[in-house]
Amino acid sequence: MHPKLFIFLQYITPQHLLSRAAGWLAETRIGGIKNPFTKWFVEKYEVNMSEAQEEDYTAYTCFNDFFTRALKEGARPIVEGEKTIAGCADGAISQLGEIHNGRIFQAKGQDYSLLELVGGDPEVAAQFTGGKFATVYLSPKDYHRVHMPLDGVLQRMIYVPGELFSVNTTTAENVPRLFARNERLVCIFDTAAGPMAMVLVGAMIVAAIETVWAGQVAPLKRQVRTTRYDEQKPIELKKGEEMGRFKLGSTVILLFGADKVDWLESLEASTPVKMGEHFGDLIQ
């Protein structure tokens, strides 16, 4: 399909209606529907079922259970070291680098506002001004649970309503402010590197976003909602622990403050990454 037609169709498609319909289909337990569809998906996207705890795709109660499947123990070793940052998800680097003048690079000719990304709160945005970002795209074949890059204590969670454009390369290069206009969940943690944000971005046919502490968070009512955790019993997660998952896949954006971390020099746009691998280091 021509890129311009692909983008045009996304603008006119009832994105939320389509995504919720996909969510219903992904939850069906009717074997005559889920098994043929899951088989097609495994073959189409060459999903590696040998690393899944349950290798038989027909054993999952619904497509979403298959899509958010757990991996076998040891399938993703977590990089050791107090100063090392672990990859948060399987996927590929979309972009990474520095946050310049409150703007984050999206793709050629496109960037977006840090303030808008985190839901419009200047206090939150200020923590990452001049810092580092990394955007990881999870393709359909990937493992779709998201894990902690560092030990962290949850401070707040911000649900930001928005559109549901696709988040692939074509869309990133052609839809202005893509990641700051899509539905997203901003999770702020206190870490050894100071504040860290993990932004889970929704996309076309992404039926829901879940966290391990709150369950399904999106979709919600169409308004920004902030939940504070720093005044409650602390929610502490260790490096490598699961923090959330996508029911159908999307993108994770990591944010750190100024002069706090360095990404590995080998990482660049399109670099494939795995959860738990060495991703960067804390600045001494």
Protein backbone atom coordinates (compact mmCIF):
# COMPACT_ATOMS: atom_id res chain seq x y z
CA MET A 1 0.00 0.00 0.00
CA HIS A 2 1.28 3.47 -0.86
CA PRO A 3 2.44 5.31 2.32
CA LYS A 4 0.20 8.33 1.68
CA LEU A 5 -2.85 6.11 1.29
CA PHE A 6 -1.86 4.16 4.41
CA ILE A 7 -1.67 7.40 6.43
CA PHE A 8 -4.88 8.81 4.95
CA LEU A 9 -6.83 5.67 5.89
CA GLN A 10 -5.66 5.99 9.48
CA TYR A 11 -6.98 9.54 9.70
CA ILE A 12 -10.46 8.52 8.51
CA THR A 13 -10.68 5.15 10.30
CA PRO A 14 -12.70 5.07 13.56
CA GLN A 15 -9.56 4.12 15.47
CA HIS A 16 -11.04 3.48 18.91
CA LEU A 17 -14.01 1.51 17.58
CA LEU A 18 -11.72 -0.69 15.48
CA SER A 19 -9.34 -1.22 18.40
CA ARG A 20 -12.12 -2.17 20.82
CA ALA A 21 -13.54 -4.60 18.24
CA ALA A 22 -10.08 -6.13 17.89
CA GLY A 23 -9.97 -6.37 21.68
CA TRP A 24 -13.20 -8.37 21.70
CA LEU A 25 -11.86 -10.73 19.04
CA ALA A 26 -8.58 -11.15 20.94
CA GLU A 27 -10.49 -12.17 24.08
CA THR A 28 -12.77 -14.76 22.47
CA ARG A 29 -12.37 -18.32 23.75
CA ILE A 30 -14.13 -19.94 20.83
CA GLY A 31 -11.60 -22.48 19.55
CA GLY A 32 -12.91 -22.33 15.99
CA ILE A 33 -12.03 -18.62 15.90
CA LYS A 34 -8.94 -18.21 18.08
CA ASN A 35 -6.97 -21.28 16.96
CA PRO A 36 -7.00 -20.62 13.19
CA PHE A 37 -6.27 -16.94 13.77
CA THR A 38 -3.42 -17.67 16.18
CA LYS A 39 -1.97 -20.24 13.77
CA TRP A 40 -2.07 -17.68 10.96
CA PHE A 41 -0.41 -15.10 13.21
CA VAL A 42 2.41 -17.45 14.28
CA GLU A 43 3.15 -18.36 10.66
CA LYS A 44 2.71 -14.85 9.25
CA TYR A 45 5.07 -13.21 11.74
CA GLU A 46 7.37 -16.21 12.33
CA VAL A 47 6.80 -16.17 16.09
CA ASN A 48 9.40 -18.23 17.97
CA MET A 49 7.23 -20.45 20.18
CA SER A 50 10.20 -22.55 21.33
CA GLU A 51 11.11 -19.89 23.92
CA ALA A 52 7.57 -19.63 25.35
CA GLN A 53 6.64 -21.37 28.58
CA GLU A 54 3.73 -22.91 26.69
CA GLU A 55 4.87 -23.80 23.18
CA ASP A 56 1.46 -25.04 21.98
CA TYR A 57 -0.41 -22.01 20.66
CA THR A 58 -3.75 -23.86 20.89
CA ALA A 59 -3.31 -24.24 24.67
CA TYR A 60 -3.88 -20.52 25.32
CA THR A 61 -7.42 -19.64 26.37
CA CYS A 62 -7.58 -16.67 24.02
CA PHE A 63 -5.40 -14.76 21.56
CA ASN A 64 -4.48 -12.14 24.17
CA ASP A 65 -3.11 -14.85 26.47
CA PHE A 66 -0.98 -16.08 23.58
CA PHE A 67 0.11 -12.56 22.66
CA THR A 68 1.20 -11.74 26.23
CA ARG A 69 2.75 -15.19 26.71
CA ALA A 70 5.43 -15.75 29.34
CA LEU A 71 8.88 -16.95 28.34
CA LYS A 72 10.79 -19.91 29.71
CA GLU A 73 12.95 -19.23 32.74
CA GLY A 74 16.35 -17.98 31.62
CA ALA A 75 15.20 -17.05 28.11
CA ARG A 76 16.10 -13.41 28.79
CA PRO A 77 19.10 -13.14 31.16
CA ILE A 78 19.20 -9.78 32.95
CA VAL A 79 22.47 -7.86 32.66
CA GLU A 80 24.23 -7.67 36.01
CA GLY A 81 25.75 -4.63 37.70
CA GLU A 82 24.39 -1.77 39.80
CA LYS A 83 25.35 0.78 37.12
CA THR A 84 23.98 -1.10 34.11
CA ILE A 85 20.65 -0.46 32.43
CA ALA A 86 18.75 -3.46 31.08
CA GLY A 87 16.66 -3.45 27.93
CA CYS A 88 13.00 -3.02 28.86
CA ALA A 89 11.46 -4.96 25.96
CA ASP A 90 12.05 -7.05 22.87
CA GLY A 91 11.85 -4.99 19.72
CA ALA A 92 13.92 -2.52 17.74
CA ILE A 93 15.18 0.99 18.44
CA SER A 94 12.98 3.54 16.74
CA GLN A 95 15.11 6.50 17.87
CA LEU A 96 17.26 7.45 20.86
CA GLY A 97 19.35 10.38 21.95
CA GLU A 98 19.14 13.65 23.86
CA ILE A 99 16.05 15.71 24.62
CA HIS A 100 16.82 19.11 23.07
CA ASN A 101 14.90 22.25 24.10
CA GLY A 102 12.03 20.14 25.40
CA ARG A 103 11.67 18.29 22.07
CA ILE A 104 12.09 14.57 21.34
CA PHE A 105 13.14 13.31 17.92
CA GLN A 106 10.53 11.06 16.29
CA ALA A 107 11.74 10.41 12.73
CA LYS A 108 13.14 12.37 9.80
CA GLY A 109 11.49 15.78 9.81
CA GLN A 110 9.38 14.99 12.88
CA ASP A 111 9.69 15.67 16.60
CA TYR A 112 7.30 16.27 19.49
CA SER A 113 6.99 18.01 22.83
CA LEU A 114 8.26 16.37 26.03
CA LEU A 115 5.64 18.33 27.96
CA GLU A 116 2.83 17.03 25.75
CA LEU A 117 4.16 13.46 25.92
CA VAL A 118 3.96 13.32 29.73
CA GLY A 119 0.45 14.74 29.86
CA GLY A 120 1.04 18.49 30.13
CA ASP A 121 2.45 18.66 33.68
CA PRO A 122 5.47 21.04 33.74
CA GLU A 123 6.70 19.52 37.03
CA VAL A 124 6.97 16.09 35.42
CA ALA A 125 8.52 17.38 32.18
CA ALA A 126 11.15 19.40 34.06
CA GLN A 127 12.64 16.20 35.49
CA PHE A 128 13.67 15.08 32.00
CA THR A 129 14.54 18.37 30.28
CA GLY A 130 17.99 18.04 28.71
CA GLY A 131 18.04 14.32 29.46
CA LYS A 132 18.03 11.15 27.38
CA PHE A 133 15.25 9.25 25.61
CA ALA A 134 15.02 5.88 23.90
CA THR A 135 12.04 4.70 21.85
CA VAL A 136 11.61 0.93 21.43
CA TYR A 137 9.11 -0.44 18.90
CA LEU A 138 7.59 -3.86 19.61
CA SER A 139 6.70 -5.66 16.38
CA PRO A 140 3.94 -8.30 16.18
CA LYS A 141 6.38 -11.22 16.51
CA ASP A 142 8.00 -9.88 19.69
CA TYR A 143 7.56 -10.79 23.34
CA HIS A 144 5.10 -8.19 24.62
CA ARG A 145 5.76 -7.85 28.31
CA VAL A 146 7.64 -4.75 29.47
CA HIS A 147 10.27 -5.01 32.22
CA MET A 148 12.21 -2.67 34.48
CA PRO A 149 15.54 -1.30 33.19
CA LEU A 150 16.62 -0.52 36.79
CA ASP A 151 15.36 -1.05 40.32
CA GLY A 152 12.63 1.53 40.86
CA VAL A 153 10.00 2.81 43.27
CA LEU A 154 6.79 3.93 41.57
CA GLN A 155 5.98 7.62 42.15
CA ARG A 156 3.03 8.29 39.88
CA MET A 157 1.10 6.96 36.89
CA ILE A 158 -0.48 9.29 34.33
CA TYR A 159 -3.06 8.08 31.83
CA VAL A 160 -3.23 10.37 28.79
CA PRO A 161 -6.07 9.84 26.27
CA GLY A 162 -5.39 10.25 22.58
CA GLU A 163 -5.55 8.84 19.10
CA LEU A 164 -4.57 5.32 18.06
CA PHE A 165 -2.41 5.69 14.97
CA SER A 166 -0.14 2.83 13.99
CA VAL A 167 3.38 3.31 15.36
CA ASN A 168 5.44 1.72 12.59
CA THR A 169 8.18 3.53 10.67
CA THR A 170 5.90 4.81 7.90
CA THR A 171 3.54 6.43 10.39
CA ALA A 172 6.37 7.84 12.51
CA GLU A 173 7.80 9.57 9.44
CA ASN A 174 4.48 11.04 8.32
CA VAL A 175 2.20 11.73 11.30
CA PRO A 176 3.27 14.83 13.28
CA ARG A 177 3.61 14.41 17.08
CA LEU A 178 2.71 10.72 16.76
CA PHE A 179 3.80 9.56 20.22
CA ALA A 180 2.45 12.68 21.92
CA ARG A 181 -0.99 12.35 20.32
CA ASN A 182 -1.59 8.60 20.79
CA GLU A 183 -3.18 7.20 23.93
CA ARG A 184 -0.45 6.46 26.48
CA LEU A 185 0.45 5.59 30.04
CA VAL A 186 3.30 7.48 31.74
CA CYS A 187 4.88 5.67 34.71
CA ILE A 188 7.37 7.66 36.81
CA PHE A 189 9.87 5.79 39.00
CA ASP A 190 12.54 6.89 41.45
CA THR A 191 15.78 5.04 40.59
CA ALA A 192 19.51 5.16 41.24
CA ALA A 193 19.66 7.44 38.17
CA GLY A 194 16.99 9.77 39.57
CA PRO A 195 13.55 10.01 37.96
CA MET A 196 12.86 7.53 35.16
CA ALA A 197 9.75 7.54 32.99
CA MET A 198 8.45 4.54 31.10
CA VAL A 199 5.83 5.67 28.58
CA LEU A 200 3.68 2.86 27.18
CA VAL A 201 2.15 4.14 23.94
CA GLY A 202 -1.08 2.73 22.53
CA ALA A 203 -1.60 2.15 18.81
CA MET A 204 -4.07 0.96 16.20
CA ILE A 205 -5.82 -2.24 17.42
CA VAL A 206 -3.94 -2.18 20.74
CA ALA A 207 -6.85 -3.30 22.88
CA ALA A 208 -5.43 -2.40 26.29
CA ILE A 209 -2.38 -1.53 28.37
CA GLU A 210 -1.83 -3.27 31.71
CA THR A 211 0.51 -2.75 34.66
CA VAL A 212 1.39 -5.29 37.34
CA TRP A 213 0.15 -2.98 40.11
CA ALA A 214 -3.11 -1.66 38.60
CA GLY A 215 -4.19 -4.27 36.06
CA GLN A 216 -5.80 -2.96 32.87
CA VAL A 217 -5.37 0.80 32.74
CA ALA A 218 -6.30 1.76 29.19
CA PRO A 219 -8.83 2.35 27.76
CA LEU A 220 -10.36 4.72 30.30
CA LYS A 221 -12.53 7.83 30.14
CA ARG A 222 -11.18 10.37 27.71
CA GLN A 223 -9.41 12.61 30.20
CA VAL A 224 -5.95 12.81 31.77
CA ARG A 225 -5.82 11.00 35.09
CA THR A 226 -2.89 11.00 37.52
CA THR A 227 -2.51 8.47 40.34
CA ARG A 228 0.07 9.24 43.04
CA TYR A 229 1.93 6.35 44.64
CA ASP A 230 4.58 8.25 46.61
CA GLU A 231 2.14 8.78 49.51
CA GLN A 232 1.06 5.13 49.67
CA LYS A 233 2.79 1.88 50.58
CA PRO A 234 5.77 1.84 48.20
CA ILE A 235 5.54 -0.23 45.02
CA GLU A 236 9.10 -1.43 44.42
CA LEU A 237 10.17 -3.31 41.30
CA LYS A 238 13.61 -4.81 40.69
CA LYS A 239 15.60 -4.60 37.47
CA GLY A 240 14.24 -7.21 35.08
CA GLU A 241 10.87 -7.57 36.79
CA GLU A 242 7.75 -7.20 34.66
CA MET A 243 6.05 -3.80 35.00
CA GLY A 244 3.38 -4.02 32.29
CA ARG A 245 2.23 -5.47 29.01
CA PHE A 246 0.43 -4.65 25.79
CA LYS A 247 -2.61 -6.56 24.62
CA LEU A 248 -1.49 -6.28 21.01
CA GLY A 249 1.75 -4.42 20.54
CA SER A 250 3.10 -0.93 20.45
CA THR A 251 5.99 1.23 21.72
CA VAL A 252 7.83 2.04 24.95
CA ILE A 253 9.66 5.35 25.47
CA LEU A 254 12.27 5.60 28.24
CA LEU A 255 13.15 9.00 29.71
CA PHE A 256 15.99 9.94 32.07
CA GLY A 257 17.15 13.28 33.43
CA ALA A 258 20.15 15.34 32.31
CA ASP A 259 23.62 13.82 32.84
CA LYS A 260 22.24 10.64 34.38
CA VAL A 261 22.71 7.88 31.80
CA ASP A 262 24.53 6.99 28.60
CA TRP A 263 23.14 4.61 25.99
CA LEU A 264 25.47 2.03 24.46
CA GLU A 265 27.29 3.48 21.45
CA SER A 266 26.24 0.45 19.39
CA LEU A 267 22.57 1.39 19.65
CA GLU A 268 20.99 3.38 16.81
CA ALA A 269 17.75 3.53 14.84
CA SER A 270 16.64 0.04 13.70
CA THR A 271 18.99 -1.81 16.08
CA PRO A 272 17.22 -4.97 17.34
CA VAL A 273 17.11 -5.26 21.14
CA LYS A 274 16.08 -7.87 23.69
CA MET A 275 14.67 -7.47 27.15
CA GLY A 276 17.39 -7.81 29.78
CA GLU A 277 20.33 -7.09 27.48
CA HIS A 278 22.85 -4.35 28.27
CA PHE A 279 21.22 -1.13 27.06
CA GLY A 280 23.19 1.63 28.78
CA ASP A 281 24.98 2.73 31.93
CA LEU A 282 24.51 5.16 34.76
CA ILE A 283 26.93 8.10 34.65
CA GLN A 284 29.26 7.92 37.64
